[in-house]
Amino acid sequence: MEKNDNLEVQKMEISATKEFKVAGWGYRHQQCVILFLTLTIAYSMRACMGVALVAMTDVKESQVNLAIINGTITNSTDSNDESNLLHSLLLIPPYPRFKWPKKTQDAVISSFFWGYMLTQIPAGQIAHFFGAKYMLFGALLINCVVSFCFPWAAFYGGWIVTALCRFLQGLSQACIMPGLHTFLGKWAPLEERGRLAGFAFGGQAIGTVLGLPITGFIASSSLGWPGIFRFYGLVSGIVAVFFWWLAADSPGKHPKISVEERTYIEEALSQKPEDRNKVRAVPWKNILTCPGMYAIIIAHIGSAWGQLTLYSEVPAFMDKVMGVNIKANGLLTALPFLCMWFANFFFSWLTDMLIVKKILNVTQTRKLANSLGCIPAAIGLITLAYVPKNIYVVETLLIFICCFKSAAGLGYHVNHIDISSNYAGTMMSLSNFGSNLVGSLAPLVAGYILTDVTDELLWRKIFFVAAGFYLVTNLFYVILGTGEKADWNDPPSENDTENPQETETMLYSNGKEKRKLSS
């Protein structure tokens, strides 16, 4: 009797799905907005360090009295007790500058990614077994506190404590991508996956767009470089409050979602109503023997190396080679990422249309998107190594690179969800771990190559290495990649065992595949 009742409920939900208008605004879109904001603040914090270090280490003759040598202020002349207190708290200018060589600066940048790499796999497991909402809220809160304390850590603890703070931020931000993929695995149907995931991933680009110029403006204002970290700490706390208030781990756990929208999402992702509160064991053997998983990891490595080169080294290239001042540096470095954000909308629409209109299958679409993201970016970096020292030419090339680079987000980056929506967070934690294990070396390699940061020939080597990573890793992805859903994504439930003919696949007139109960 209970089984018949469940079947009736499911039939009602399927009927509701037929009447649901996919084009309308829904709570799945709201979730993507929250994820977008989370990714935006995370990438703003991540990208700001390159420009912030320019402000923190740019010691001029007029500021020599405040240069930091072995962690202490030298030749301070202000004897007012109140001013001394405010100076010691880094609340009023002038602010100290640090005499850190390029290798030390690159070690500070890399320390974030050491922490980021370390907790990737645990973060994927936490998101899978306990839900992503609490984990992401905690990550935002930790970033808020650490960012507020960062200026004092740098001033009183030197570069080692500074690196430790970035390491802690990396530990907490490691939760974001596995958590985001866990969310999208529960909220993003295949037919809308490119647009929903593309919008959420757009936080990577817009975070950089906002982060770089804001960092430059704050650094050159009366707030100085300490104000950079206080600002991001405040914004991270605000986003954490909104996330706690609005996010839900799945459609079945959202208190306000309509039955129609919930059923549409669950049917599109083959989520059974009786499994809403169940957590299945992770099929590690299947994941680790899946060729598509290794294709994603390799592609992710190439993208991470190129991305770190663009985020961390381009501000230094603009400053040391192009001679751009810090305020313009932030604006000019951010402009390509603004164009990247707009291009992301086009590529996300394009990939969805290729799949919905059956022009290409999912596998072909992901490989095309990844190639569009890697090959033009590699060509752009090689060209950048030989162009004349002209800011307009360099900026045009960076825009070209970033616009096409956004296509890769619709390639390997959503491929985890294609293969397994139920274990997308776990798969992302693996690929993010691998990519950051290798990618964290990019700033260190740059530091060893750039023995003279004003030498254009040495910068040429940096761009060659990044281009090589793009081309080689994309080739591996094209050979090994797949967009087919894995059979281990949906292990048979008890009901499936009792009546294997209980479900069948139906193709509606709008071209969308739904699962419905046999009559």
Protein backbone atom coordinates (compact mmCIF):
# COMPACT_ATOMS: atom_id res chain seq x y z
CA MET A 1 0.00 0.00 0.00
CA GLU A 2 2.83 2.38 0.94
CA LYS A 3 4.58 1.66 -2.36
CA ASN A 4 1.40 2.49 -4.32
CA ASP A 5 1.11 5.78 -2.45
CA ASN A 6 4.68 6.64 -3.40
CA LEU A 7 3.95 5.82 -7.03
CA GLU A 8 0.91 8.12 -7.01
CA VAL A 9 2.99 10.95 -5.55
CA GLN A 10 5.63 10.45 -8.23
CA LYS A 11 2.98 10.42 -11.00
CA MET A 12 1.63 13.72 -9.69
CA GLU A 13 5.14 15.17 -9.72
CA ILE A 14 5.72 14.00 -13.30
CA SER A 15 2.45 15.66 -14.32
CA ALA A 16 3.63 18.86 -12.65
CA THR A 17 6.90 18.64 -14.59
CA LYS A 18 5.07 18.56 -17.92
CA GLU A 19 3.37 21.85 -17.06
CA PHE A 20 6.53 23.54 -15.74
CA LYS A 21 7.87 26.43 -17.81
CA VAL A 22 11.62 26.02 -17.99
CA ALA A 23 12.20 29.56 -19.30
CA GLY A 24 10.92 31.25 -16.12
CA TRP A 25 12.96 32.46 -13.17
CA GLY A 26 13.26 29.84 -10.46
CA TYR A 27 15.05 29.01 -7.25
CA ARG A 28 17.71 27.15 -9.23
CA HIS A 29 18.68 30.56 -10.63
CA GLN A 30 18.72 32.06 -7.15
CA GLN A 31 21.12 29.36 -5.99
CA CYS A 32 23.42 30.17 -8.91
CA VAL A 33 23.38 33.86 -7.95
CA ILE A 34 24.49 32.94 -4.41
CA LEU A 35 27.22 30.68 -5.80
CA PHE A 36 28.26 33.48 -8.16
CA LEU A 37 28.66 35.91 -5.24
CA THR A 38 30.62 33.31 -3.26
CA LEU A 39 32.99 32.69 -6.15
CA THR A 40 33.30 36.42 -6.82
CA ILE A 41 34.56 37.28 -3.33
CA ALA A 42 36.81 34.19 -3.30
CA TYR A 43 38.50 35.11 -6.57
CA SER A 44 38.72 38.77 -5.62
CA MET A 45 40.67 37.73 -2.52
CA ARG A 46 42.78 35.37 -4.59
CA ALA A 47 43.58 37.85 -7.36
CA CYS A 48 44.24 40.85 -5.14
CA MET A 49 47.53 39.53 -3.81
CA GLY A 50 49.54 40.29 -6.95
CA VAL A 51 48.57 43.97 -6.96
CA ALA A 52 48.65 44.21 -3.15
CA LEU A 53 52.26 43.02 -3.09
CA VAL A 54 53.20 45.80 -5.50
CA ALA A 55 51.83 48.28 -2.91
CA MET A 56 53.33 46.44 0.06
CA THR A 57 56.86 46.21 -1.38
CA ASP A 58 57.16 49.38 -3.46
CA VAL A 59 59.71 51.21 -1.28
CA LYS A 60 60.48 54.72 -2.52
CA GLU A 61 63.13 57.10 -1.16
CA SER A 62 60.49 59.30 0.46
CA GLN A 63 59.16 56.27 2.32
CA VAL A 64 62.44 54.81 3.48
CA ASN A 65 61.76 55.88 7.05
CA LEU A 66 58.91 53.38 7.15
CA ALA A 67 60.57 50.50 5.36
CA ILE A 68 60.39 47.22 7.20
CA ILE A 69 63.70 45.60 8.00
CA ASN A 70 63.44 42.35 9.93
CA GLY A 71 59.87 43.17 10.94
CA THR A 72 60.47 46.55 12.64
CA ILE A 73 59.81 50.16 11.64
CA THR A 74 62.97 52.19 11.22
CA ASN A 75 63.41 55.92 11.82
CA SER A 76 59.83 56.66 12.88
CA THR A 77 59.63 60.32 13.91
CA ASP A 78 56.09 60.62 15.28
CA SER A 79 56.16 60.82 19.09
CA ASN A 80 52.43 61.33 19.68
CA ASP A 81 51.09 58.41 21.76
CA GLU A 82 47.69 58.34 20.04
CA SER A 83 49.27 58.44 16.61
CA ASN A 84 51.72 55.73 17.61
CA LEU A 85 48.80 53.52 18.66
CA LEU A 86 46.97 54.10 15.37
CA HIS A 87 50.20 53.51 13.46
CA SER A 88 50.80 50.28 15.36
CA LEU A 89 47.28 49.12 14.36
CA LEU A 90 47.94 50.23 10.74
CA LEU A 91 44.87 52.47 10.77
CA ILE A 92 46.43 55.70 9.52
CA PRO A 93 49.11 56.50 6.92
CA PRO A 94 51.96 56.33 6.24
CA TYR A 95 51.94 52.56 6.05
CA PRO A 96 55.04 50.34 6.23
CA ARG A 97 56.61 48.82 3.15
CA PHE A 98 58.43 45.51 3.05
CA LYS A 99 61.80 44.75 1.50
CA TRP A 100 60.84 41.34 0.17
CA PRO A 101 62.66 40.01 -2.92
CA LYS A 102 60.68 38.53 -5.83
CA LYS A 103 61.21 34.96 -4.62
CA THR A 104 59.74 35.83 -1.21
CA GLN A 105 56.74 37.51 -2.85
CA ASP A 106 56.13 34.45 -5.03
CA ALA A 107 56.38 32.22 -1.94
CA VAL A 108 53.62 34.31 -0.30
CA ILE A 109 51.46 33.94 -3.43
CA SER A 110 52.11 30.18 -3.64
CA SER A 111 51.32 29.60 0.05
CA PHE A 112 47.64 30.15 -0.70
CA PHE A 113 47.67 27.30 -3.18
CA TRP A 114 49.53 24.96 -0.82
CA GLY A 115 46.64 25.31 1.62
CA TYR A 116 44.12 25.24 -1.21
CA MET A 117 45.53 21.93 -2.41
CA LEU A 118 45.73 20.28 1.00
CA THR A 119 42.02 20.26 1.89
CA GLN A 120 40.56 19.64 -1.56
CA ILE A 121 39.76 15.95 -1.10
CA PRO A 122 38.46 16.31 2.51
CA ALA A 123 36.29 19.23 1.34
CA GLY A 124 34.71 17.06 -1.34
CA GLN A 125 33.86 14.43 1.26
CA ILE A 126 32.42 16.96 3.70
CA ALA A 127 30.21 18.39 0.95
CA HIS A 128 29.05 14.92 -0.12
CA PHE A 129 28.20 13.53 3.31
CA PHE A 130 27.12 16.65 5.24
CA GLY A 131 26.00 19.03 2.51
CA ALA A 132 27.74 22.02 0.97
CA LYS A 133 25.77 24.80 2.68
CA TYR A 134 27.42 24.69 6.11
CA MET A 135 30.84 24.04 4.62
CA LEU A 136 30.72 27.06 2.30
CA PHE A 137 29.35 29.30 5.05
CA GLY A 138 32.25 28.30 7.28
CA ALA A 139 34.75 28.96 4.47
CA LEU A 140 33.43 32.49 3.97
CA LEU A 141 33.51 33.17 7.70
CA ILE A 142 37.13 32.00 8.07
CA ASN A 143 38.18 34.17 5.12
CA CYS A 144 36.46 37.13 6.76
CA VAL A 145 38.41 36.77 10.02
CA VAL A 146 41.80 35.99 8.44
CA SER A 147 41.52 38.88 6.00
CA PHE A 148 40.86 41.35 8.83
CA CYS A 149 43.93 40.09 10.69
CA PHE A 150 46.17 39.97 7.63
CA PRO A 151 47.74 43.49 7.91
CA TRP A 152 48.80 42.90 11.51
CA ALA A 153 50.17 39.48 10.58
CA ALA A 154 52.30 41.00 7.83
CA PHE A 155 53.54 43.88 10.01
CA TYR A 156 54.34 41.96 13.19
CA GLY A 157 55.05 38.50 11.81
CA GLY A 158 56.93 39.24 8.60
CA TRP A 159 56.62 37.25 5.40
CA ILE A 160 56.39 33.88 7.19
CA VAL A 161 53.23 34.78 9.13
CA THR A 162 51.91 36.53 6.00
CA ALA A 163 52.36 33.27 4.08
CA LEU A 164 50.66 31.39 6.94
CA CYS A 165 47.59 33.65 6.68
CA ARG A 166 47.39 33.05 2.94
CA PHE A 167 47.81 29.33 3.67
CA LEU A 168 44.77 29.46 6.03
CA GLN A 169 42.74 31.29 3.39
CA GLY A 170 43.72 28.58 0.93
CA LEU A 171 42.61 25.88 3.35
CA SER A 172 39.15 27.44 3.66
CA GLN A 173 38.73 28.39 0.00
CA ALA A 174 39.51 24.78 -0.94
CA CYS A 175 35.92 24.10 0.08
CA ILE A 176 34.44 26.40 -2.55
CA MET A 177 34.86 24.51 -5.83
CA PRO A 178 33.87 21.04 -4.47
CA GLY A 179 30.94 22.71 -2.71
CA LEU A 180 29.92 24.57 -5.85
CA HIS A 181 29.99 21.37 -7.93
CA THR A 182 28.02 19.55 -5.26
CA PHE A 183 25.40 22.29 -5.49
CA LEU A 184 25.30 22.26 -9.30
CA GLY A 185 25.07 18.47 -9.31
CA LYS A 186 21.79 18.86 -7.41
CA TRP A 187 20.45 22.00 -9.10
CA ALA A 188 21.59 22.15 -12.77
CA PRO A 189 19.70 20.04 -15.38
CA LEU A 190 21.69 19.10 -18.50
CA GLU A 191 19.65 21.34 -20.82
CA GLU A 192 20.50 24.41 -18.71
CA ARG A 193 23.82 23.26 -17.29
CA GLY A 194 25.99 25.48 -19.47
CA ARG A 195 24.08 28.65 -18.62
CA LEU A 196 23.58 27.92 -14.91
CA ALA A 197 27.12 26.69 -14.33
CA GLY A 198 28.51 29.38 -16.64
CA PHE A 199 26.82 32.11 -14.62
CA ALA A 200 28.11 30.71 -11.33
CA PHE A 201 31.63 30.24 -12.75
CA GLY A 202 31.45 33.82 -13.99
CA GLY A 203 32.37 34.76 -10.43
CA GLN A 204 35.94 33.74 -11.28
CA ALA A 205 36.18 36.42 -13.96
CA ILE A 206 34.09 39.15 -12.32
CA GLY A 207 35.90 38.57 -9.02
CA THR A 208 39.13 39.38 -10.81
CA VAL A 209 37.50 42.29 -12.67
CA LEU A 210 36.40 43.86 -9.39
CA GLY A 211 39.32 42.68 -7.29
CA LEU A 212 42.21 44.08 -9.32
CA PRO A 213 41.01 47.70 -9.79
CA ILE A 214 39.51 47.87 -6.28
CA THR A 215 42.83 46.66 -4.90
CA GLY A 216 44.67 49.30 -6.91
CA PHE A 217 42.36 52.12 -5.84
CA ILE A 218 42.39 51.18 -2.16
CA ALA A 219 46.17 50.77 -2.15
CA SER A 220 46.64 54.25 -3.60
CA SER A 221 44.06 55.82 -1.24
CA SER A 222 44.43 56.91 2.38
CA LEU A 223 43.39 53.40 3.45
CA GLY A 224 46.60 52.02 1.96
CA TRP A 225 47.39 48.36 1.48
CA PRO A 226 45.93 47.37 4.92
CA GLY A 227 42.57 48.67 3.70
CA ILE A 228 42.59 46.10 0.90
CA PHE A 229 42.33 43.19 3.29
CA ARG A 230 39.88 44.88 5.64
CA PHE A 231 37.57 45.59 2.70
CA TYR A 232 37.60 41.97 1.52
CA GLY A 233 37.08 40.73 5.06
CA LEU A 234 33.95 42.87 5.35
CA VAL A 235 32.52 41.75 2.00
CA SER A 236 33.23 38.10 2.77
CA GLY A 237 31.26 38.41 6.02
CA ILE A 238 28.30 39.99 4.21
CA VAL A 239 28.24 37.25 1.55
CA ALA A 240 28.40 34.62 4.32
CA VAL A 241 25.20 36.04 5.87
CA PHE A 242 23.35 35.95 2.53
CA PHE A 243 24.58 32.44 1.85
CA TRP A 244 23.29 31.17 5.21
CA TRP A 245 19.93 32.82 4.59
CA LEU A 246 19.26 31.79 0.97
CA ALA A 247 21.20 28.62 0.07
CA ALA A 248 19.85 25.06 0.19
CA ASP A 249 21.75 21.83 -0.45
CA SER A 250 19.20 20.46 -2.92
CA PRO A 251 15.74 21.24 -4.36
CA GLY A 252 14.22 18.73 -1.93
CA LYS A 253 15.62 20.69 1.03
CA HIS A 254 14.57 24.16 -0.15
CA PRO A 255 11.65 25.46 1.96
CA LYS A 256 10.10 27.68 -0.73
CA ILE A 257 10.65 25.93 -4.08
CA SER A 258 7.52 24.95 -6.01
CA VAL A 259 6.63 21.29 -6.56
CA GLU A 260 6.84 21.90 -10.32
CA GLU A 261 10.38 23.26 -10.30
CA ARG A 262 11.60 20.70 -7.77
CA THR A 263 10.18 17.85 -9.83
CA TYR A 264 11.62 19.23 -13.07
CA ILE A 265 15.12 19.36 -11.58
CA GLU A 266 14.94 15.99 -9.84
CA GLU A 267 13.59 14.24 -12.93
CA ALA A 268 16.19 15.83 -15.20
CA LEU A 269 18.97 14.66 -12.86
CA SER A 270 17.37 11.25 -12.16
CA GLN A 271 17.00 12.09 -8.48
CA LYS A 272 14.47 9.84 -6.80
CA PRO A 273 12.16 11.45 -4.20
CA GLU A 274 12.80 8.63 -1.74
CA ASP A 275 16.55 9.36 -1.91
CA ARG A 276 16.37 13.05 -0.97
CA ASN A 277 17.75 12.47 2.52
CA LYS A 278 19.98 9.52 1.69
CA VAL A 279 23.74 9.75 1.28
CA ARG A 280 25.38 7.01 -0.78
CA ALA A 281 28.94 5.79 -0.31
CA VAL A 282 31.44 7.23 -2.78
CA PRO A 283 32.37 4.65 -5.48
CA TRP A 284 36.10 5.39 -5.27
CA LYS A 285 37.17 2.45 -7.43
CA ASN A 286 34.87 3.51 -10.27
CA ILE A 287 35.94 7.15 -10.07
CA LEU A 288 39.66 6.35 -9.94
CA THR A 289 39.43 3.96 -12.91
CA CYS A 290 37.39 6.33 -15.08
CA PRO A 291 39.45 7.68 -18.05
CA GLY A 292 37.22 10.75 -18.18
CA MET A 293 38.30 11.65 -14.63
CA TYR A 294 41.97 11.72 -15.66
CA ALA A 295 41.13 13.76 -18.76
CA ILE A 296 39.51 16.36 -16.49
CA ILE A 297 42.48 16.38 -14.09
CA ILE A 298 44.99 16.92 -16.91
CA ALA A 299 42.90 19.69 -18.51
CA HIS A 300 42.47 21.29 -15.09
CA ILE A 301 46.26 21.33 -14.58
CA GLY A 302 46.82 23.24 -17.83
CA SER A 303 44.09 25.74 -17.05
CA ALA A 304 45.35 26.30 -13.50
CA TRP A 305 48.91 27.00 -14.67
CA GLY A 306 47.75 29.51 -17.28
CA GLN A 307 45.32 31.10 -14.86
CA LEU A 308 47.94 31.57 -12.16
CA THR A 309 50.27 33.11 -14.71
CA LEU A 310 47.58 35.61 -15.70
CA TYR A 311 46.45 36.38 -12.14
CA SER A 312 49.76 36.50 -10.31
CA GLU A 313 52.43 37.45 -12.86
CA VAL A 314 50.64 39.85 -15.23
CA PRO A 315 50.41 42.63 -12.57
CA ALA A 316 54.19 42.36 -12.10
CA PHE A 317 54.72 42.33 -15.89
CA MET A 318 52.61 45.48 -16.23
CA ASP A 319 54.54 47.17 -13.43
CA LYS A 320 58.14 46.17 -14.20
CA VAL A 321 58.13 45.87 -17.99
CA MET A 322 55.30 48.10 -19.18
CA GLY A 323 55.88 50.73 -16.48
CA VAL A 324 52.19 51.06 -15.57
CA ASN A 325 51.47 52.69 -12.19
CA ILE A 326 49.59 50.73 -9.55
CA LYS A 327 46.16 52.35 -10.03
CA ALA A 328 46.22 51.90 -13.82
CA ASN A 329 47.78 48.47 -13.31
CA GLY A 330 44.66 47.25 -11.52
CA LEU A 331 42.35 48.66 -14.21
CA LEU A 332 44.34 47.39 -17.18
CA THR A 333 44.86 43.95 -15.65
CA ALA A 334 41.13 43.71 -14.88
CA LEU A 335 39.84 44.76 -18.31
CA PRO A 336 40.61 41.40 -20.01
CA PHE A 337 38.71 39.60 -17.25
CA LEU A 338 35.70 41.87 -17.73
CA CYS A 339 35.67 40.88 -21.40
CA MET A 340 36.11 37.28 -20.27
CA TRP A 341 32.97 37.59 -18.13
CA PHE A 342 30.88 38.80 -21.10
CA ALA A 343 32.33 36.11 -23.38
CA ASN A 344 31.33 33.52 -20.79
CA PHE A 345 27.63 34.26 -21.45
CA PHE A 346 28.08 33.60 -25.17
CA PHE A 347 29.95 30.32 -24.73
CA SER A 348 27.53 29.05 -22.06
CA TRP A 349 24.59 29.74 -24.39
CA LEU A 350 26.44 28.19 -27.34
CA THR A 351 27.25 24.93 -25.56
CA ASP A 352 23.67 24.52 -24.30
CA MET A 353 22.26 25.12 -27.78
CA LEU A 354 24.66 22.62 -29.35
CA ILE A 355 23.38 19.98 -26.92
CA VAL A 356 19.66 20.89 -26.87
CA LYS A 357 19.41 21.13 -30.68
CA LYS A 358 21.45 17.93 -30.99
CA ILE A 359 24.05 19.53 -33.25
CA LEU A 360 26.76 17.88 -31.14
CA ASN A 361 26.55 15.37 -28.33
CA VAL A 362 27.74 16.19 -24.82
CA THR A 363 31.22 14.70 -25.33
CA GLN A 364 31.84 16.60 -28.56
CA THR A 365 30.55 19.83 -27.05
CA ARG A 366 32.85 19.64 -24.02
CA LYS A 367 35.90 18.89 -26.19
CA LEU A 368 35.09 21.75 -28.56
CA ALA A 369 34.62 24.18 -25.65
CA ASN A 370 37.87 23.11 -24.01
CA SER A 371 39.81 23.48 -27.27
CA LEU A 372 38.35 26.95 -27.80
CA GLY A 373 39.52 27.82 -24.31
CA CYS A 374 43.08 26.50 -24.66
CA ILE A 375 44.37 26.80 -28.23
CA PRO A 376 43.68 30.53 -28.78
CA ALA A 377 45.00 31.27 -25.27
CA ALA A 378 48.26 29.46 -26.09
CA ILE A 379 48.59 31.33 -29.39
CA GLY A 380 47.96 34.62 -27.58
CA LEU A 381 50.65 33.94 -24.97
CA ILE A 382 53.22 33.01 -27.61
CA THR A 383 52.37 36.19 -29.51
CA LEU A 384 52.62 38.20 -26.28
CA ALA A 385 56.23 37.09 -25.98
CA TYR A 386 57.18 38.86 -29.21
CA VAL A 387 54.95 41.93 -29.47
CA PRO A 388 56.45 45.42 -29.17
CA LYS A 389 56.46 47.18 -25.82
CA ASN A 390 53.13 48.88 -26.45
CA ILE A 391 50.43 48.89 -23.81
CA TYR A 392 47.60 48.92 -26.37
CA VAL A 393 48.94 45.86 -28.20
CA VAL A 394 49.58 43.98 -24.95
CA GLU A 395 46.15 44.81 -23.58
CA THR A 396 44.45 43.70 -26.81
CA LEU A 397 46.24 40.36 -26.64
CA LEU A 398 45.29 39.85 -23.00
CA ILE A 399 41.64 40.52 -23.88
CA PHE A 400 41.87 37.97 -26.72
CA ILE A 401 43.39 35.36 -24.39
CA CYS A 402 40.85 35.85 -21.60
CA CYS A 403 37.79 35.91 -23.89
CA PHE A 404 38.58 32.53 -25.40
CA LYS A 405 39.83 31.14 -22.10
CA SER A 406 36.29 31.43 -20.71
CA ALA A 407 35.18 28.65 -23.07
CA ALA A 408 37.20 26.10 -21.10
CA GLY A 409 34.78 26.63 -18.21
CA LEU A 410 32.16 24.93 -20.38
CA GLY A 411 34.60 22.13 -21.22
CA TYR A 412 36.44 20.28 -18.47
CA HIS A 413 35.00 22.46 -15.70
CA VAL A 414 31.41 21.22 -15.96
CA ASN A 415 32.40 17.77 -17.21
CA HIS A 416 32.36 16.36 -13.65
CA ILE A 417 28.58 16.94 -13.51
CA ASP A 418 28.06 15.33 -16.94
CA ILE A 419 29.81 12.15 -15.83
CA SER A 420 28.27 11.99 -12.35
CA SER A 421 25.94 14.61 -10.91
CA ASN A 422 25.77 12.69 -7.62
CA TYR A 423 29.54 12.67 -7.08
CA ALA A 424 30.50 15.87 -8.91
CA GLY A 425 31.83 17.48 -5.73
CA THR A 426 34.11 14.53 -5.01
CA MET A 427 35.37 14.49 -8.60
CA MET A 428 36.01 18.24 -8.50
CA SER A 429 37.99 17.85 -5.28
CA LEU A 430 40.25 15.34 -7.04
CA SER A 431 40.82 17.46 -10.14
CA ASN A 432 41.29 20.63 -8.10
CA PHE A 433 43.82 18.83 -5.92
CA GLY A 434 45.80 17.65 -8.92
CA SER A 435 45.66 21.00 -10.69
CA ASN A 436 46.80 22.96 -7.66
CA LEU A 437 49.49 20.43 -6.81
CA VAL A 438 51.10 21.35 -10.13
CA GLY A 439 49.69 24.86 -10.53
CA SER A 440 51.08 26.09 -7.21
CA LEU A 441 54.53 25.73 -8.74
CA ALA A 442 53.78 28.39 -11.38
CA PRO A 443 54.68 31.43 -9.21
CA LEU A 444 57.75 29.63 -7.87
CA VAL A 445 58.94 28.74 -11.39
CA ALA A 446 58.35 32.37 -12.37
CA GLY A 447 60.42 33.51 -9.39
CA TYR A 448 63.36 31.32 -10.40
CA ILE A 449 63.18 32.29 -14.08
CA LEU A 450 62.82 36.02 -13.42
CA THR A 451 66.23 36.77 -12.02
CA ASP A 452 65.70 40.24 -13.52
CA VAL A 453 62.02 41.24 -13.50
CA THR A 454 62.63 43.95 -16.12
CA ASP A 455 64.12 41.52 -18.68
CA GLU A 456 61.65 40.93 -21.52
CA LEU A 457 63.48 37.77 -22.65
CA LEU A 458 62.91 36.15 -19.25
CA TRP A 459 59.22 37.07 -19.35
CA ARG A 460 59.10 35.39 -22.76
CA LYS A 461 60.03 32.09 -21.10
CA ILE A 462 57.17 32.51 -18.61
CA PHE A 463 54.66 32.91 -21.45
CA PHE A 464 56.11 29.95 -23.39
CA VAL A 465 55.74 27.63 -20.41
CA ALA A 466 52.08 28.65 -19.88
CA ALA A 467 51.30 28.21 -23.59
CA GLY A 468 52.86 24.75 -23.56
CA PHE A 469 50.68 23.70 -20.64
CA TYR A 470 47.55 24.86 -22.48
CA LEU A 471 48.34 22.94 -25.68
CA VAL A 472 49.58 19.66 -24.21
CA THR A 473 46.84 19.28 -21.57
CA ASN A 474 44.10 20.09 -24.09
CA LEU A 475 45.42 17.37 -26.39
CA PHE A 476 45.10 14.83 -23.58
CA TYR A 477 41.56 16.02 -22.86
CA VAL A 478 40.49 15.67 -26.50
CA ILE A 479 41.83 12.11 -26.57
CA LEU A 480 40.53 10.85 -23.20
CA GLY A 481 37.55 13.09 -22.38
CA THR A 482 33.92 11.95 -22.28
CA GLY A 483 30.56 13.54 -21.54
CA GLU A 484 28.61 10.31 -21.09
CA LYS A 485 26.93 9.77 -17.75
CA ALA A 486 28.65 6.97 -15.83
CA ASP A 487 26.57 3.91 -14.97
CA TRP A 488 27.82 4.10 -11.38
CA ASN A 489 26.24 7.55 -10.93
CA ASP A 490 22.84 5.95 -10.25
CA PRO A 491 23.31 2.70 -8.31
CA PRO A 492 20.10 0.63 -8.28
CA SER A 493 17.79 1.23 -5.33
CA GLU A 494 15.62 -1.39 -3.66
CA ASN A 495 12.61 -0.36 -5.77
CA ASP A 496 14.67 -0.61 -8.95
CA THR A 497 15.66 -4.19 -8.01
CA GLU A 498 12.08 -5.24 -7.39
CA ASN A 499 10.75 -3.86 -10.66
CA PRO A 500 13.45 -2.94 -13.17
CA GLN A 501 10.79 -1.91 -15.71
CA GLU A 502 9.33 0.71 -13.40
CA THR A 503 10.92 3.59 -15.31
CA GLU A 504 11.42 4.40 -18.93
CA THR A 505 12.91 7.31 -20.81
CA MET A 506 10.59 9.64 -22.70
CA LEU A 507 11.53 12.29 -25.24
CA TYR A 508 9.20 15.27 -25.14
CA SER A 509 8.38 17.47 -28.13
CA ASN A 510 10.71 20.22 -26.83
CA GLY A 511 13.66 17.85 -27.23
CA LYS A 512 14.27 17.30 -23.52
CA GLU A 513 14.68 13.87 -22.00
CA LYS A 514 12.66 13.18 -18.86
CA ARG A 515 12.12 10.02 -16.85
CA LYS A 516 8.54 8.98 -16.15
CA LEU A 517 6.79 6.04 -14.52
CA SER A 518 5.30 3.36 -16.74
CA SER A 519 1.56 3.39 -16.63
